[in-house]
């Protein structure tokens, strides 16, 4: 009876492992910079305003978005209209019962630059918190002995959180509606 149970367990495990082959999983579609080979979200957004006005909006958004701006902002240059930040997103591992438990933190660099009628954001240099730098680009390497299917899920979680951040930024950089009380 024990042999049958062990055989069934091994068969089930083999089927599960086979079902999780890297070739059968969709590769997460994160933007990769061709020059650096790093995951990089970058865009130039057209928005009416002078560099000073856009910089003020950016600072206002940063202060609203992040609780502790002293920790996040690494350099803010009002004269040259840019803000450099270091922040993070949290990744979660899915348990067998479907619950999500915090796994780790992934840090990233975030730069905002303002010019006449446009601003550019660059979000890159993603590294999982570890004893040494652990770039998330390694999670794409399915031939690594350390690769696991959960790494694709972590990449998707990062992508979703960064896209939400970008959406918030774009909303925050729009001019505020001015309400005139004409009575």
N, C-alpha and C. Protein backbone atom coordinates (compact mmCIF):
# COMPACT_ATOMS: atom_id res chain seq x y z
N UNK A 1 0.83 -1.19 0.00
CA UNK A 1 0.00 0.00 0.00
C UNK A 1 0.87 1.26 0.00
N UNK A 2 1.95 1.25 0.80
CA UNK A 2 2.85 2.40 0.85
C UNK A 2 3.51 2.63 -0.50
N UNK A 3 3.88 1.52 -1.20
CA UNK A 3 4.52 1.65 -2.50
C UNK A 3 3.58 2.33 -3.49
N UNK A 4 2.32 2.00 -3.44
CA UNK A 4 1.33 2.59 -4.36
C UNK A 4 1.21 4.09 -4.06
N UNK A 5 1.15 4.44 -2.79
CA UNK A 5 1.02 5.85 -2.40
C UNK A 5 2.26 6.64 -2.83
N UNK A 6 3.44 6.07 -2.60
CA UNK A 6 4.69 6.74 -2.99
C UNK A 6 4.77 6.88 -4.50
N UNK A 7 4.39 5.82 -5.23
CA UNK A 7 4.41 5.87 -6.70
C UNK A 7 3.45 6.93 -7.20
N UNK A 8 2.25 6.98 -6.62
CA UNK A 8 1.26 7.98 -7.03
C UNK A 8 1.77 9.39 -6.75
N UNK A 9 2.41 9.55 -5.61
CA UNK A 9 2.95 10.87 -5.25
C UNK A 9 4.05 11.28 -6.23
N UNK A 10 4.94 10.35 -6.56
CA UNK A 10 6.01 10.66 -7.52
C UNK A 10 5.44 10.97 -8.90
N UNK A 11 4.43 10.22 -9.31
CA UNK A 11 3.80 10.47 -10.61
C UNK A 11 3.15 11.85 -10.62
N UNK A 12 2.44 12.17 -9.56
CA UNK A 12 1.79 13.48 -9.47
C UNK A 12 2.83 14.60 -9.49
N UNK A 13 3.94 14.40 -8.76
CA UNK A 13 5.01 15.40 -8.73
C UNK A 13 5.61 15.59 -10.11
N UNK A 14 5.84 14.50 -10.82
CA UNK A 14 6.41 14.59 -12.16
C UNK A 14 5.47 15.33 -13.10
N UNK A 15 4.19 15.06 -12.99
CA UNK A 15 3.20 15.76 -13.84
C UNK A 15 3.20 17.24 -13.50
N UNK A 16 3.24 17.57 -12.21
CA UNK A 16 3.23 18.97 -11.79
C UNK A 16 4.49 19.69 -12.29
N UNK A 17 5.63 19.05 -12.15
CA UNK A 17 6.88 19.66 -12.59
C UNK A 17 6.87 19.83 -14.11
N UNK A 18 6.38 18.82 -14.83
CA UNK A 18 6.32 18.91 -16.29
C UNK A 18 5.41 20.05 -16.71
N UNK A 19 4.31 20.22 -16.00
CA UNK A 19 3.36 21.29 -16.33
C UNK A 19 3.96 22.67 -16.11
N UNK A 20 5.02 22.76 -15.32
CA UNK A 20 5.63 24.04 -15.00
C UNK A 20 6.91 24.30 -15.80
N UNK A 21 7.08 23.61 -16.92
CA UNK A 21 8.25 23.84 -17.75
C UNK A 21 8.26 25.29 -18.23
N UNK A 22 9.43 25.92 -18.27
CA UNK A 22 9.52 27.31 -18.70
C UNK A 22 8.93 27.56 -20.08
N UNK A 23 9.07 26.58 -20.99
CA UNK A 23 8.57 26.78 -22.35
C UNK A 23 7.05 26.85 -22.40
N UNK A 24 6.37 26.29 -21.40
CA UNK A 24 4.90 26.31 -21.42
C UNK A 24 4.33 27.54 -20.71
N UNK A 25 5.18 28.28 -20.02
CA UNK A 25 4.72 29.47 -19.31
C UNK A 25 4.92 30.71 -20.17
N UNK A 26 3.94 31.63 -20.18
CA UNK A 26 4.15 32.86 -20.93
C UNK A 26 5.21 33.73 -20.25
N UNK A 27 6.16 34.19 -21.04
CA UNK A 27 7.24 35.03 -20.51
C UNK A 27 6.66 36.41 -20.21
N UNK A 28 6.87 36.92 -19.00
CA UNK A 28 6.37 38.26 -18.67
C UNK A 28 6.93 39.30 -19.64
N UNK A 29 6.08 40.24 -20.03
CA UNK A 29 6.48 41.24 -21.03
C UNK A 29 6.84 42.55 -20.36
N UNK A 30 7.97 42.57 -19.71
CA UNK A 30 8.49 43.79 -19.10
C UNK A 30 9.40 44.48 -20.12
N UNK A 31 9.43 45.80 -20.12
CA UNK A 31 10.28 46.50 -21.08
C UNK A 31 11.76 46.35 -20.73
N UNK A 32 12.55 45.91 -21.70
CA UNK A 32 13.99 45.73 -21.51
C UNK A 32 14.72 46.77 -22.37
N UNK A 33 15.59 47.54 -21.75
CA UNK A 33 16.38 48.53 -22.47
C UNK A 33 17.44 47.80 -23.29
N UNK A 34 17.50 48.12 -24.59
CA UNK A 34 18.43 47.43 -25.49
C UNK A 34 19.89 47.72 -25.17
N UNK A 35 20.19 48.91 -24.66
CA UNK A 35 21.57 49.27 -24.35
C UNK A 35 22.05 48.63 -23.06
N UNK A 36 21.23 48.66 -22.02
CA UNK A 36 21.66 48.19 -20.70
C UNK A 36 21.22 46.76 -20.39
N UNK A 37 20.25 46.26 -21.13
CA UNK A 37 19.63 44.95 -20.87
C UNK A 37 18.97 44.88 -19.49
N UNK A 38 18.56 46.04 -18.98
CA UNK A 38 17.85 46.11 -17.71
C UNK A 38 16.37 46.37 -17.95
N UNK A 39 15.54 45.87 -17.06
CA UNK A 39 14.11 46.22 -17.11
C UNK A 39 14.04 47.72 -16.88
N UNK A 40 13.44 48.44 -17.84
CA UNK A 40 13.40 49.90 -17.78
C UNK A 40 12.08 50.41 -18.33
N UNK A 41 11.37 51.14 -17.48
CA UNK A 41 10.15 51.82 -17.90
C UNK A 41 10.55 53.27 -18.15
N UNK A 42 10.37 53.72 -19.39
CA UNK A 42 10.75 55.09 -19.71
C UNK A 42 9.80 55.64 -20.76
N UNK A 43 9.41 56.90 -20.56
CA UNK A 43 8.55 57.55 -21.54
C UNK A 43 8.66 59.05 -21.37
N UNK A 44 8.43 59.75 -22.47
CA UNK A 44 8.33 61.20 -22.46
C UNK A 44 6.85 61.51 -22.60
N UNK A 45 6.32 62.26 -21.65
CA UNK A 45 4.90 62.59 -21.64
C UNK A 45 4.74 64.08 -21.95
N UNK A 46 3.92 64.37 -22.97
CA UNK A 46 3.65 65.76 -23.32
C UNK A 46 2.65 66.33 -22.32
N UNK A 47 3.02 67.40 -21.67
CA UNK A 47 2.15 68.04 -20.68
C UNK A 47 2.46 69.53 -20.72
N UNK A 48 1.44 70.38 -20.98
CA UNK A 48 1.69 71.82 -21.05
C UNK A 48 2.24 72.36 -19.72
N UNK A 49 3.24 73.22 -19.83
CA UNK A 49 3.79 73.85 -18.65
C UNK A 49 5.28 74.12 -18.81
N UNK A 50 5.75 75.06 -18.02
CA UNK A 50 7.17 75.36 -18.00
C UNK A 50 7.87 74.30 -17.16
N UNK A 51 9.19 74.20 -17.28
CA UNK A 51 9.91 73.25 -16.42
C UNK A 51 9.66 73.49 -14.94
N UNK A 52 9.57 74.76 -14.53
CA UNK A 52 9.30 75.08 -13.12
C UNK A 52 7.94 74.56 -12.67
N UNK A 53 6.93 74.78 -13.50
CA UNK A 53 5.57 74.34 -13.16
C UNK A 53 5.51 72.81 -13.09
N UNK A 54 6.11 72.13 -14.07
CA UNK A 54 6.10 70.67 -14.09
C UNK A 54 6.90 70.10 -12.92
N UNK A 55 8.00 70.74 -12.57
CA UNK A 55 8.79 70.29 -11.42
C UNK A 55 7.97 70.41 -10.13
N UNK A 56 7.25 71.52 -9.98
CA UNK A 56 6.40 71.70 -8.79
C UNK A 56 5.32 70.62 -8.72
N UNK A 57 4.70 70.32 -9.86
CA UNK A 57 3.69 69.25 -9.88
C UNK A 57 4.33 67.91 -9.51
N UNK A 58 5.52 67.66 -10.04
CA UNK A 58 6.21 66.40 -9.75
C UNK A 58 6.51 66.28 -8.25
N UNK A 59 7.00 67.35 -7.65
CA UNK A 59 7.29 67.32 -6.21
C UNK A 59 6.01 67.11 -5.40
N UNK A 60 4.95 67.76 -5.83
CA UNK A 60 3.67 67.60 -5.13
C UNK A 60 3.20 66.14 -5.23
N UNK A 61 3.36 65.54 -6.41
CA UNK A 61 2.96 64.14 -6.60
C UNK A 61 3.83 63.23 -5.73
N UNK A 62 5.14 63.46 -5.72
CA UNK A 62 6.05 62.63 -4.92
C UNK A 62 5.64 62.67 -3.45
N UNK A 63 5.35 63.87 -2.94
CA UNK A 63 4.98 64.02 -1.53
C UNK A 63 3.66 63.33 -1.22
N UNK A 64 2.78 63.28 -2.21
CA UNK A 64 1.48 62.60 -2.02
C UNK A 64 1.65 61.08 -2.14
N UNK A 65 2.51 60.64 -3.04
CA UNK A 65 2.68 59.21 -3.35
C UNK A 65 3.46 58.46 -2.27
N UNK A 66 4.48 59.09 -1.73
CA UNK A 66 5.37 58.40 -0.80
C UNK A 66 5.23 58.99 0.60
N UNK A 67 5.14 58.11 1.58
CA UNK A 67 4.95 58.55 2.97
C UNK A 67 6.19 59.26 3.51
N UNK A 68 7.36 58.70 3.25
CA UNK A 68 8.59 59.26 3.80
C UNK A 68 9.47 59.74 2.65
N UNK A 69 9.25 60.96 2.21
CA UNK A 69 10.00 61.47 1.06
C UNK A 69 11.49 61.63 1.37
N UNK A 70 11.85 61.83 2.63
CA UNK A 70 13.27 61.93 2.98
C UNK A 70 14.02 60.64 2.68
N UNK A 71 13.34 59.52 2.80
CA UNK A 71 13.94 58.22 2.50
C UNK A 71 13.96 57.96 0.99
N UNK A 72 12.95 58.42 0.30
CA UNK A 72 12.78 58.11 -1.13
C UNK A 72 13.61 59.03 -2.02
N UNK A 73 13.55 60.33 -1.78
CA UNK A 73 14.24 61.29 -2.64
C UNK A 73 15.75 61.25 -2.34
N UNK A 74 16.52 60.94 -3.36
CA UNK A 74 17.98 60.91 -3.23
C UNK A 74 18.59 62.22 -3.70
N UNK A 75 17.96 62.85 -4.69
CA UNK A 75 18.44 64.15 -5.16
C UNK A 75 17.27 64.87 -5.82
N UNK A 76 17.08 66.12 -5.44
CA UNK A 76 16.06 66.97 -6.05
C UNK A 76 16.74 68.27 -6.46
N UNK A 77 16.74 68.54 -7.74
CA UNK A 77 17.43 69.71 -8.27
C UNK A 77 16.40 70.61 -8.95
N UNK A 78 15.96 71.63 -8.23
CA UNK A 78 14.93 72.53 -8.75
C UNK A 78 15.47 73.36 -9.91
N UNK A 79 16.74 73.72 -9.86
CA UNK A 79 17.33 74.54 -10.92
C UNK A 79 17.39 73.78 -12.26
N UNK A 80 17.72 72.49 -12.19
CA UNK A 80 17.81 71.69 -13.42
C UNK A 80 16.56 70.82 -13.64
N UNK A 81 15.58 70.95 -12.76
CA UNK A 81 14.25 70.35 -12.92
C UNK A 81 14.26 68.82 -12.98
N UNK A 82 14.93 68.18 -12.03
CA UNK A 82 14.84 66.72 -11.97
C UNK A 82 14.82 66.24 -10.52
N UNK A 83 14.25 65.05 -10.36
CA UNK A 83 14.17 64.39 -9.05
C UNK A 83 14.65 62.96 -9.24
N UNK A 84 15.59 62.53 -8.40
CA UNK A 84 16.05 61.15 -8.41
C UNK A 84 15.59 60.48 -7.12
N UNK A 85 15.01 59.30 -7.27
CA UNK A 85 14.45 58.60 -6.11
C UNK A 85 14.89 57.13 -6.10
N UNK A 86 14.75 56.53 -4.94
CA UNK A 86 14.95 55.08 -4.77
C UNK A 86 13.79 54.61 -3.92
N UNK A 87 13.01 53.71 -4.48
CA UNK A 87 11.86 53.19 -3.76
C UNK A 87 11.76 51.69 -3.96
N UNK A 88 10.63 51.11 -3.59
CA UNK A 88 10.51 49.66 -3.67
C UNK A 88 9.06 49.23 -3.89
N UNK A 89 8.94 47.98 -4.32
CA UNK A 89 7.65 47.30 -4.38
C UNK A 89 7.81 45.99 -3.62
N UNK A 90 6.71 45.47 -3.15
CA UNK A 90 6.74 44.22 -2.41
C UNK A 90 6.24 43.10 -3.32
N UNK A 91 6.90 41.95 -3.26
CA UNK A 91 6.43 40.79 -4.00
C UNK A 91 5.90 39.75 -3.02
N UNK A 92 4.96 38.95 -3.49
CA UNK A 92 4.27 37.97 -2.65
C UNK A 92 4.36 36.59 -3.27
N UNK A 93 4.47 35.57 -2.43
CA UNK A 93 4.45 34.19 -2.92
C UNK A 93 3.07 33.59 -2.63
N UNK A 94 2.58 32.87 -3.62
CA UNK A 94 1.25 32.26 -3.51
C UNK A 94 1.38 30.90 -2.82
N UNK A 95 0.58 30.71 -1.78
CA UNK A 95 0.60 29.47 -1.03
C UNK A 95 -0.36 28.47 -1.68
N UNK A 96 -0.28 27.23 -1.26
CA UNK A 96 -1.13 26.18 -1.83
C UNK A 96 -2.61 26.48 -1.64
N UNK A 97 -2.95 27.14 -0.53
CA UNK A 97 -4.36 27.45 -0.27
C UNK A 97 -4.82 28.74 -0.98
N UNK A 98 -3.91 29.34 -1.75
CA UNK A 98 -4.27 30.54 -2.51
C UNK A 98 -3.95 31.85 -1.82
N UNK A 99 -3.58 31.80 -0.56
CA UNK A 99 -3.24 33.04 0.14
C UNK A 99 -1.88 33.55 -0.34
N UNK A 100 -1.73 34.85 -0.25
CA UNK A 100 -0.48 35.48 -0.68
C UNK A 100 0.29 35.94 0.56
N UNK A 101 1.53 35.47 0.68
CA UNK A 101 2.38 35.86 1.79
C UNK A 101 3.52 36.73 1.28
N UNK A 102 3.87 37.78 2.04
CA UNK A 102 4.99 38.63 1.61
C UNK A 102 6.26 37.79 1.46
N UNK A 103 6.94 37.96 0.33
CA UNK A 103 8.18 37.22 0.09
C UNK A 103 9.39 38.12 0.32
N UNK A 104 9.40 39.27 -0.38
CA UNK A 104 10.56 40.14 -0.27
C UNK A 104 10.23 41.51 -0.84
N UNK A 105 11.25 42.36 -0.88
CA UNK A 105 11.13 43.71 -1.40
C UNK A 105 12.06 43.84 -2.59
N UNK A 106 11.58 44.54 -3.62
CA UNK A 106 12.41 44.81 -4.80
C UNK A 106 12.57 46.32 -4.91
N UNK A 107 13.82 46.77 -4.87
CA UNK A 107 14.12 48.20 -4.96
C UNK A 107 14.30 48.61 -6.42
N UNK A 108 14.04 49.89 -6.69
CA UNK A 108 14.24 50.42 -8.05
C UNK A 108 14.66 51.88 -7.97
N UNK A 109 15.28 52.37 -9.04
CA UNK A 109 15.62 53.78 -9.19
C UNK A 109 14.56 54.45 -10.06
N UNK A 110 14.22 55.69 -9.71
CA UNK A 110 13.14 56.41 -10.38
C UNK A 110 13.62 57.84 -10.59
N UNK A 111 13.66 58.26 -11.85
CA UNK A 111 14.09 59.62 -12.15
C UNK A 111 13.00 60.34 -12.93
N UNK A 112 12.69 61.56 -12.50
CA UNK A 112 11.74 62.44 -13.19
C UNK A 112 12.50 63.66 -13.68
N UNK A 113 12.35 63.99 -14.96
CA UNK A 113 13.01 65.15 -15.55
C UNK A 113 11.96 66.01 -16.24
N UNK A 114 12.02 67.32 -16.03
CA UNK A 114 11.01 68.23 -16.59
C UNK A 114 11.64 69.21 -17.56
N UNK A 115 10.97 69.40 -18.69
CA UNK A 115 11.36 70.40 -19.69
C UNK A 115 10.10 71.11 -20.15
N UNK A 116 10.27 72.07 -21.05
CA UNK A 116 9.11 72.80 -21.57
C UNK A 116 8.10 71.83 -22.18
N UNK A 117 6.89 71.86 -21.62
CA UNK A 117 5.74 71.12 -22.15
C UNK A 117 5.93 69.60 -22.20
N UNK A 118 6.82 69.07 -21.38
CA UNK A 118 6.99 67.62 -21.33
C UNK A 118 7.82 67.23 -20.10
N UNK A 119 7.67 65.98 -19.71
CA UNK A 119 8.50 65.42 -18.66
C UNK A 119 8.83 63.98 -19.05
N UNK A 120 9.90 63.47 -18.49
CA UNK A 120 10.31 62.10 -18.76
C UNK A 120 10.50 61.38 -17.43
N UNK A 121 9.99 60.15 -17.39
CA UNK A 121 10.25 59.31 -16.22
C UNK A 121 11.10 58.12 -16.69
N UNK A 122 11.97 57.68 -15.81
CA UNK A 122 12.80 56.50 -16.05
C UNK A 122 12.79 55.70 -14.75
N UNK A 123 12.31 54.48 -14.84
CA UNK A 123 12.25 53.58 -13.68
C UNK A 123 13.05 52.34 -14.07
N UNK A 124 14.15 52.08 -13.35
CA UNK A 124 15.05 51.00 -13.74
C UNK A 124 15.87 50.51 -12.54
N UNK A 125 16.82 49.62 -12.81
CA UNK A 125 17.74 49.09 -11.81
C UNK A 125 16.99 48.39 -10.67
N UNK A 126 16.15 47.44 -11.05
CA UNK A 126 15.37 46.67 -10.08
C UNK A 126 16.25 45.59 -9.46
N UNK A 127 16.28 45.55 -8.13
CA UNK A 127 17.08 44.57 -7.40
C UNK A 127 16.30 44.06 -6.20
N UNK A 128 16.25 42.73 -6.10
CA UNK A 128 15.62 42.13 -4.93
C UNK A 128 16.53 42.35 -3.72
N UNK A 129 15.91 42.67 -2.59
CA UNK A 129 16.68 42.87 -1.36
C UNK A 129 17.35 41.54 -1.00
N UNK A 130 18.68 41.59 -0.92
CA UNK A 130 19.45 40.39 -0.60
C UNK A 130 20.80 40.83 -0.05
N UNK A 131 21.62 39.87 0.34
CA UNK A 131 22.94 40.19 0.86
C UNK A 131 23.80 40.84 -0.21
N UNK A 132 23.64 40.41 -1.45
CA UNK A 132 24.33 41.02 -2.59
C UNK A 132 23.26 41.44 -3.60
N UNK A 133 23.66 42.27 -4.54
CA UNK A 133 22.71 42.72 -5.56
C UNK A 133 22.10 41.51 -6.26
N UNK A 134 20.80 41.50 -6.37
CA UNK A 134 20.08 40.40 -7.01
C UNK A 134 19.14 40.99 -8.07
N UNK A 135 19.68 41.28 -9.26
CA UNK A 135 18.86 41.90 -10.30
C UNK A 135 17.72 40.99 -10.76
N UNK A 136 16.55 41.59 -10.98
CA UNK A 136 15.40 40.78 -11.39
C UNK A 136 15.56 40.24 -12.80
N UNK A 137 16.47 40.78 -13.58
CA UNK A 137 16.69 40.26 -14.93
C UNK A 137 17.11 38.79 -14.90
N UNK A 138 17.69 38.35 -13.79
CA UNK A 138 18.07 36.94 -13.64
C UNK A 138 16.85 36.03 -13.62
N UNK A 139 15.70 36.56 -13.29
CA UNK A 139 14.49 35.76 -13.22
C UNK A 139 13.97 35.35 -14.60
N UNK A 140 14.50 35.94 -15.64
CA UNK A 140 14.14 35.55 -17.00
C UNK A 140 14.95 34.34 -17.47
N UNK A 141 16.04 34.02 -16.78
CA UNK A 141 16.97 32.97 -17.21
C UNK A 141 16.47 31.60 -16.77
N UNK A 142 15.68 30.97 -17.63
CA UNK A 142 15.08 29.69 -17.29
C UNK A 142 16.09 28.54 -17.27
N UNK A 143 17.28 28.77 -17.82
CA UNK A 143 18.29 27.71 -17.81
C UNK A 143 19.10 27.70 -16.52
N UNK A 144 18.83 28.66 -15.63
CA UNK A 144 19.54 28.72 -14.35
C UNK A 144 19.05 27.60 -13.43
N UNK A 145 19.94 26.98 -12.68
CA UNK A 145 19.50 25.94 -11.74
C UNK A 145 18.65 26.50 -10.61
N UNK A 146 18.67 27.83 -10.43
CA UNK A 146 17.90 28.46 -9.37
C UNK A 146 16.54 28.98 -9.85
N UNK A 147 16.27 28.83 -11.14
CA UNK A 147 15.02 29.35 -11.69
C UNK A 147 13.83 28.54 -11.19
N UNK A 148 12.72 29.25 -10.95
CA UNK A 148 11.46 28.57 -10.61
C UNK A 148 10.31 29.33 -11.26
N UNK A 149 9.20 28.67 -11.52
CA UNK A 149 8.06 29.33 -12.16
C UNK A 149 7.54 30.53 -11.36
N UNK A 150 7.74 30.53 -10.06
CA UNK A 150 7.26 31.65 -9.24
C UNK A 150 7.96 32.96 -9.62
N UNK A 151 9.15 32.87 -10.20
CA UNK A 151 9.87 34.09 -10.58
C UNK A 151 9.12 34.84 -11.68
N UNK A 152 8.47 34.13 -12.58
CA UNK A 152 7.64 34.79 -13.59
C UNK A 152 6.48 35.52 -12.91
N UNK A 153 5.91 34.91 -11.89
CA UNK A 153 4.81 35.55 -11.16
C UNK A 153 5.32 36.81 -10.46
N UNK A 154 6.51 36.75 -9.89
CA UNK A 154 7.09 37.93 -9.24
C UNK A 154 7.29 39.06 -10.25
N UNK A 155 7.78 38.72 -11.44
CA UNK A 155 7.97 39.72 -12.49
C UNK A 155 6.63 40.37 -12.87
N UNK A 156 5.59 39.56 -12.97
CA UNK A 156 4.27 40.11 -13.29
C UNK A 156 3.75 41.02 -12.18
N UNK A 157 4.02 40.65 -10.92
CA UNK A 157 3.61 41.51 -9.81
C UNK A 157 4.33 42.86 -9.86
N UNK A 158 5.61 42.83 -10.14
CA UNK A 158 6.38 44.07 -10.25
C UNK A 158 5.82 44.93 -11.37
N UNK A 159 5.60 44.32 -12.53
CA UNK A 159 5.07 45.04 -13.69
C UNK A 159 3.74 45.71 -13.36
N UNK A 160 2.86 45.00 -12.71
CA UNK A 160 1.55 45.56 -12.37
C UNK A 160 1.69 46.76 -11.42
N UNK A 161 2.54 46.64 -10.43
CA UNK A 161 2.71 47.74 -9.47
C UNK A 161 3.37 48.96 -10.11
N UNK A 162 4.32 48.75 -11.00
CA UNK A 162 4.99 49.88 -11.66
C UNK A 162 4.03 50.55 -12.64
N UNK A 163 3.22 49.79 -13.34
CA UNK A 163 2.25 50.40 -14.26
C UNK A 163 1.22 51.23 -13.48
N UNK A 164 0.82 50.77 -12.30
CA UNK A 164 -0.08 51.56 -11.45
C UNK A 164 0.61 52.85 -10.98
N UNK A 165 1.89 52.76 -10.67
CA UNK A 165 2.67 53.93 -10.26
C UNK A 165 2.73 54.95 -11.40
N UNK A 166 2.98 54.48 -12.61
CA UNK A 166 3.05 55.37 -13.78
C UNK A 166 1.70 56.03 -14.03
N UNK A 167 0.64 55.27 -13.92
CA UNK A 167 -0.70 55.84 -14.09
C UNK A 167 -0.96 56.94 -13.06
N UNK A 168 -0.58 56.70 -11.83
CA UNK A 168 -0.73 57.70 -10.77
C UNK A 168 0.10 58.95 -11.08
N UNK A 169 1.33 58.75 -11.56
CA UNK A 169 2.19 59.86 -11.92
C UNK A 169 1.55 60.71 -13.02
N UNK A 170 1.07 60.06 -14.06
CA UNK A 170 0.48 60.79 -15.17
C UNK A 170 -0.74 61.60 -14.73
N UNK A 171 -1.54 61.03 -13.84
CA UNK A 171 -2.69 61.77 -13.30
C UNK A 171 -2.20 62.94 -12.44
N UNK A 172 -1.17 62.70 -11.63
CA UNK A 172 -0.66 63.73 -10.75
C UNK A 172 0.04 64.87 -11.47
N UNK A 173 0.51 64.63 -12.67
CA UNK A 173 1.20 65.66 -13.43
C UNK A 173 0.24 66.53 -14.26
N UNK A 174 -1.03 66.14 -14.30
CA UNK A 174 -2.01 66.96 -15.02
C UNK A 174 -2.29 68.22 -14.20
N UNK A 175 -2.60 69.34 -14.87
CA UNK A 175 -2.90 70.56 -14.11
C UNK A 175 -4.19 70.38 -13.31
N UNK A 176 -4.20 70.99 -12.14
CA UNK A 176 -5.40 70.93 -11.31
C UNK A 176 -6.47 71.84 -11.90
N UNK A 177 -7.70 71.38 -11.80
CA UNK A 177 -8.81 72.20 -12.27
C UNK A 177 -8.99 73.37 -11.32
N UNK A 178 -9.11 74.54 -11.89
CA UNK A 178 -9.32 75.74 -11.08
C UNK A 178 -10.81 76.03 -11.07
N UNK A 179 -11.36 76.06 -9.89
CA UNK A 179 -12.79 76.32 -9.73
C UNK A 179 -12.98 77.81 -9.38
N UNK A 180 -13.70 78.47 -10.23
CA UNK A 180 -13.98 79.88 -9.97
C UNK A 180 -15.40 79.99 -9.45
N UNK A 181 -15.51 80.61 -8.32
CA UNK A 181 -16.81 80.77 -7.69
C UNK A 181 -17.43 82.08 -8.16
N UNK A 182 -18.22 81.95 -9.20
CA UNK A 182 -18.88 83.15 -9.74
C UNK A 182 -20.27 83.25 -9.14
N UNK A 183 -20.41 84.15 -8.25
CA UNK A 183 -21.69 84.31 -7.60
C UNK A 183 -22.19 85.66 -7.89
